[in-house]
Amino acid sequence: MHLVIASRGNAGLAAAWAANLLNVPCTIYLPRGVGQSTMEFMRKQNAKVVVVGDSYPDALQAAQQAVVADTKA
């Protein structure tokens, strides 16, 4: 299993925390503009943070493409 999520912040924080608790890999797709402290918390929870595009729809599209490419997502 591999958790993949698009977020502007809060959902990604929750996903990172839950994935770390469950020892499940997590990749979070964020648009530019998300605060550094938010991204740092995600990384401290062992999540991979990918910044893509300028808006949530850009991050969502990238996350959807990742899910299609990853059979464990």
C-alpha atoms as a PDB file:
ATOM      1  CA  MET A   1       0.000   0.000   0.000  1.00  0.00           C
ATOM      2  CA  HIS A   2       1.109   3.547  -0.776  1.00  0.00           C
ATOM      3  CA  LEU A   3      -0.968   6.577   0.199  1.00  0.00           C
ATOM      4  CA  VAL A   4      -1.090   9.296  -2.471  1.00  0.00           C
ATOM      5  CA  ILE A   5      -2.917  12.567  -1.877  1.00  0.00           C
ATOM      6  CA  ALA A   6      -3.289  16.036  -3.346  1.00  0.00           C
ATOM      7  CA  SER A   7      -3.660  18.789  -0.789  1.00  0.00           C
ATOM      8  CA  ARG A   8      -3.295  22.475  -0.053  1.00  0.00           C
ATOM      9  CA  GLY A   9      -2.205  21.637   3.471  1.00  0.00           C
ATOM     10  CA  ASN A  10      -4.563  20.269   6.100  1.00  0.00           C
ATOM     11  CA  ALA A  11      -5.546  17.011   4.391  1.00  0.00           C
ATOM     12  CA  GLY A  12      -1.901  16.409   3.596  1.00  0.00           C
ATOM     13  CA  LEU A  13      -0.928  16.963   7.219  1.00  0.00           C
ATOM     14  CA  ALA A  14      -3.507  14.409   8.336  1.00  0.00           C
ATOM     15  CA  ALA A  15      -2.472  11.919   5.664  1.00  0.00           C
ATOM     16  CA  ALA A  16       1.214  12.258   6.546  1.00  0.00           C
ATOM     17  CA  TRP A  17       0.520  11.738  10.238  1.00  0.00           C
ATOM     18  CA  ALA A  18      -1.748   8.715   9.652  1.00  0.00           C
ATOM     19  CA  ALA A  19       0.623   7.110   7.156  1.00  0.00           C
ATOM     20  CA  ASN A  20       3.535   7.504   9.562  1.00  0.00           C
ATOM     21  CA  LEU A  21       1.487   6.027  12.395  1.00  0.00           C
ATOM     22  CA  LEU A  22       0.565   3.034  10.209  1.00  0.00           C
ATOM     23  CA  ASN A  23       4.067   2.770   8.712  1.00  0.00           C
ATOM     24  CA  VAL A  24       2.705   3.208   5.174  1.00  0.00           C
ATOM     25  CA  PRO A  25       4.524   5.188   2.469  1.00  0.00           C
ATOM     26  CA  CYS A  26       2.888   8.519   1.680  1.00  0.00           C
ATOM     27  CA  THR A  27       3.359  10.959  -1.190  1.00  0.00           C
ATOM     28  CA  ILE A  28       1.685  14.350  -0.998  1.00  0.00           C
ATOM     29  CA  TYR A  29       1.237  16.544  -4.071  1.00  0.00           C
ATOM     30  CA  LEU A  30       1.021  20.244  -3.226  1.00  0.00           C
ATOM     31  CA  PRO A  31       0.677  23.376  -5.316  1.00  0.00           C
ATOM     32  CA  ARG A  32       3.244  26.134  -4.947  1.00  0.00           C
ATOM     33  CA  GLY A  33       2.509  28.502  -2.107  1.00  0.00           C
ATOM     34  CA  VAL A  34       2.049  25.961   0.677  1.00  0.00           C
ATOM     35  CA  GLY A  35       3.970  27.113   3.749  1.00  0.00           C
ATOM     36  CA  GLN A  36       7.411  25.746   4.495  1.00  0.00           C
ATOM     37  CA  SER A  37       6.383  24.760   8.022  1.00  0.00           C
ATOM     38  CA  THR A  38       3.520  22.673   6.615  1.00  0.00           C
ATOM     39  CA  MET A  39       5.835  20.884   4.209  1.00  0.00           C
ATOM     40  CA  GLU A  40       8.444  20.367   6.931  1.00  0.00           C
ATOM     41  CA  PHE A  41       5.880  18.709   9.206  1.00  0.00           C
ATOM     42  CA  MET A  42       4.880  16.386   6.357  1.00  0.00           C
ATOM     43  CA  ARG A  43       8.507  15.463   5.757  1.00  0.00           C
ATOM     44  CA  LYS A  44       9.082  14.867   9.467  1.00  0.00           C
ATOM     45  CA  GLN A  45       6.238  12.356   9.262  1.00  0.00           C
ATOM     46  CA  ASN A  46       8.259  10.556   6.545  1.00  0.00           C
ATOM     47  CA  ALA A  47       6.032  11.715   3.701  1.00  0.00           C
ATOM     48  CA  LYS A  48       7.450  12.497   0.289  1.00  0.00           C
ATOM     49  CA  VAL A  49       6.399  16.029  -0.683  1.00  0.00           C
ATOM     50  CA  VAL A  50       6.035  16.925  -4.362  1.00  0.00           C
ATOM     51  CA  VAL A  51       5.340  20.562  -5.246  1.00  0.00           C
ATOM     52  CA  VAL A  52       3.691  20.886  -8.633  1.00  0.00           C
ATOM     53  CA  GLY A  53       1.787  23.650 -10.376  1.00  0.00           C
ATOM     54  CA  ASP A  54       0.194  26.794  -9.069  1.00  0.00           C
ATOM     55  CA  SER A  55      -3.190  25.449  -7.987  1.00  0.00           C
ATOM     56  CA  TYR A  56      -4.899  22.533  -6.306  1.00  0.00           C
ATOM     57  CA  PRO A  57      -6.184  21.169  -9.657  1.00  0.00           C
ATOM     58  CA  ASP A  58      -2.549  20.950 -10.828  1.00  0.00           C
ATOM     59  CA  ALA A  59      -1.603  18.983  -7.714  1.00  0.00           C
ATOM     60  CA  LEU A  60      -4.672  16.768  -8.064  1.00  0.00           C
ATOM     61  CA  GLN A  61      -3.853  15.930 -11.671  1.00  0.00           C
ATOM     62  CA  ALA A  62      -0.284  14.986 -10.728  1.00  0.00           C
ATOM     63  CA  ALA A  63      -1.540  12.815  -7.846  1.00  0.00           C
ATOM     64  CA  GLN A  64      -4.024  11.067 -10.134  1.00  0.00           C
ATOM     65  CA  GLN A  65      -1.278  10.340 -12.649  1.00  0.00           C
ATOM     66  CA  ALA A  66       0.906   8.928  -9.862  1.00  0.00           C
ATOM     67  CA  VAL A  67      -1.887   6.619  -8.728  1.00  0.00           C
ATOM     68  CA  VAL A  68      -2.323   5.265 -12.247  1.00  0.00           C
ATOM     69  CA  ALA A  69       1.432   4.629 -12.495  1.00  0.00           C
ATOM     70  CA  ASP A  70       1.786   3.025  -9.035  1.00  0.00           C
ATOM     71  CA  THR A  71       0.029  -0.312  -8.620  1.00  0.00           C
ATOM     72  CA  LYS A  72       0.412  -0.072  -4.814  1.00  0.00           C
ATOM     73  CA  ALA A  73      -1.327   3.318  -4.539  1.00  0.00           C
END
